[in-house]
Amino acid sequence: MINQKEFSLPAYARGFHIVTDTILNEIGELPEKGILTLFIKHTSAGLTINENADPTVLSDFESSFNHIVKENEPFYRHTFEGSDDMPAHIKSSMVGSSITIPIMNHRLNLGTWQGIYLCEFRDRGGSRKIVATICS
């Protein structure tokens, strides 16, 4: 059986944000076993899974991505949406637009220290649309 739901995450500040509980609240009860795929319908934000215990990981991600992909590079041609836009497209391609998580015993089978991240790469990205697909 396949179930799908589309919902919006509220606007978040630029950076990396743990949204595991928010997503679980949106999708509701999980089947006994299956697969959850999450897809973000945007080109300047991404989804990933990483550490959910130490909040400094979130700021270190932001610092590292900003060091790797800088704003205001002289070779950027796509600049009319702001200095953060082209770097946001590049960063979202690096992170990806979807994640897949196994479901076991009606729960996401994440590791002890894993959480779902919204990676917001725009200064003012706004709400973000997510499609959740559950295969059971």
Protein backbone atom coordinates (compact mmCIF):
# COMPACT_ATOMS: atom_id res chain seq x y z
CA MET A 1 0.00 0.00 0.00
CA ILE A 2 1.21 3.50 -0.84
CA ASN A 3 0.04 6.64 0.98
CA GLN A 4 1.06 10.20 0.20
CA LYS A 5 0.60 13.50 1.95
CA GLU A 6 1.78 16.97 1.03
CA PHE A 7 2.25 19.56 3.77
CA SER A 8 4.17 22.75 4.45
CA LEU A 9 6.86 23.34 7.01
CA PRO A 10 6.75 26.83 8.51
CA ALA A 11 9.36 29.38 7.48
CA TYR A 12 12.72 28.85 9.18
CA ALA A 13 15.71 31.14 9.36
CA ARG A 14 18.65 30.36 7.15
CA GLY A 15 20.53 27.35 8.54
CA PHE A 16 20.04 23.74 9.50
CA HIS A 17 17.00 22.76 11.56
CA ILE A 18 15.93 19.45 13.11
CA VAL A 19 12.35 18.85 11.96
CA THR A 20 11.84 15.18 12.86
CA ASP A 21 9.00 15.80 15.33
CA THR A 22 7.30 18.34 13.07
CA ILE A 23 7.29 15.85 10.20
CA LEU A 24 6.05 13.00 12.39
CA ASN A 25 3.19 15.21 13.60
CA GLU A 26 2.24 15.95 10.00
CA ILE A 27 2.27 12.36 8.72
CA GLY A 28 0.53 10.77 11.71
CA GLU A 29 0.54 7.08 12.54
CA LEU A 30 3.13 4.96 10.80
CA PRO A 31 2.53 1.39 9.59
CA GLU A 32 4.17 -1.55 11.36
CA LYS A 33 6.84 -1.72 8.66
CA GLY A 34 7.66 0.09 5.45
CA ILE A 35 9.58 2.94 3.93
CA LEU A 36 9.11 6.70 4.31
CA THR A 37 10.38 8.93 1.53
CA LEU A 38 10.38 12.71 2.05
CA PHE A 39 10.77 15.08 -0.91
CA ILE A 40 11.14 18.87 -0.68
CA LYS A 41 9.58 20.78 -3.58
CA HIS A 42 12.13 23.59 -3.68
CA THR A 43 15.47 24.31 -5.36
CA SER A 44 17.02 26.40 -2.58
CA ALA A 45 16.49 24.11 0.42
CA GLY A 46 17.22 20.45 1.09
CA LEU A 47 16.67 17.52 3.40
CA THR A 48 19.24 15.33 5.09
CA ILE A 49 19.72 13.10 8.13
CA ASN A 50 22.38 13.84 10.70
CA GLU A 51 23.12 14.25 14.41
CA ASN A 52 20.23 15.40 16.59
CA ALA A 53 22.01 15.60 19.98
CA ASP A 54 24.53 18.44 19.89
CA PRO A 55 23.19 21.77 18.55
CA THR A 56 26.69 22.91 17.58
CA VAL A 57 26.51 20.43 14.70
CA LEU A 58 23.79 22.61 13.15
CA SER A 59 25.90 25.78 13.28
CA ASP A 60 29.00 23.90 12.10
CA PHE A 61 27.07 22.70 9.05
CA GLU A 62 26.01 26.28 8.29
CA SER A 63 29.57 27.58 8.67
CA SER A 64 31.03 24.78 6.54
CA PHE A 65 28.53 25.17 3.70
CA ASN A 66 29.05 28.95 3.68
CA HIS A 67 32.80 28.40 3.51
CA ILE A 68 32.51 25.92 0.63
CA VAL A 69 29.88 27.85 -1.39
CA LYS A 70 30.30 31.59 -1.01
CA GLU A 71 27.95 34.42 -1.91
CA ASN A 72 28.79 37.20 -4.37
CA GLU A 73 31.19 35.17 -6.48
CA PRO A 74 32.09 37.20 -9.59
CA PHE A 75 31.36 34.26 -11.91
CA TYR A 76 27.70 33.87 -10.82
CA ARG A 77 25.33 34.92 -13.58
CA HIS A 78 22.07 33.99 -11.82
CA THR A 79 21.97 36.97 -9.41
CA PHE A 80 18.64 38.76 -9.88
CA GLU A 81 16.99 37.00 -6.89
CA GLY A 82 19.66 38.09 -4.42
CA SER A 83 23.18 37.22 -3.41
CA ASP A 84 22.00 34.17 -1.43
CA ASP A 85 20.01 32.60 -4.29
CA MET A 86 22.63 30.98 -6.54
CA PRO A 87 24.61 29.64 -3.56
CA ALA A 88 21.31 28.22 -2.24
CA HIS A 89 20.76 26.32 -5.50
CA ILE A 90 24.27 24.87 -5.36
CA LYS A 91 23.96 23.90 -1.68
CA SER A 92 20.57 22.24 -2.21
CA SER A 93 22.07 20.15 -5.02
CA MET A 94 24.89 19.09 -2.70
CA VAL A 95 22.47 18.01 0.05
CA GLY A 96 19.65 16.65 -2.10
CA SER A 97 15.90 16.99 -2.23
CA SER A 98 14.82 13.66 -0.76
CA ILE A 99 15.58 11.17 1.99
CA THR A 100 14.38 7.61 2.63
CA ILE A 101 13.94 6.11 6.10
CA PRO A 102 12.91 2.56 7.02
CA ILE A 103 9.88 2.07 9.26
CA MET A 104 9.90 -0.71 11.88
CA ASN A 105 7.43 -1.31 14.72
CA HIS A 106 5.41 1.82 13.76
CA ARG A 107 8.50 4.06 14.19
CA LEU A 108 11.15 5.60 12.01
CA ASN A 109 14.17 3.33 12.24
CA LEU A 110 16.69 6.13 12.72
CA GLY A 111 19.95 5.70 14.57
CA THR A 112 20.27 6.81 18.19
CA TRP A 113 21.65 10.24 17.31
CA GLN A 114 19.92 10.79 13.96
CA GLY A 115 17.31 13.38 13.10
CA ILE A 116 15.75 14.82 9.96
CA TYR A 117 17.18 18.20 8.96
CA LEU A 118 15.60 20.95 6.93
CA CYS A 119 18.52 22.70 5.27
CA GLU A 120 17.35 26.25 4.60
CA PHE A 121 19.79 28.01 2.31
CA ARG A 122 17.92 31.30 1.69
CA ASP A 123 17.93 34.29 4.00
CA ARG A 124 14.13 34.41 3.71
CA GLY A 125 13.05 31.12 2.17
CA GLY A 126 9.48 31.06 3.45
CA SER A 127 7.43 27.96 4.10
CA ARG A 128 8.62 24.78 2.40
CA LYS A 129 6.40 22.14 0.80
CA ILE A 130 7.16 18.50 1.60
CA VAL A 131 5.72 15.35 0.02
CA ALA A 132 5.73 12.31 2.29
CA THR A 133 5.29 8.90 0.66
CA ILE A 134 4.82 5.83 2.82
CA CYS A 135 5.10 2.38 1.26
CA SER A 136 3.97 -0.46 3.51
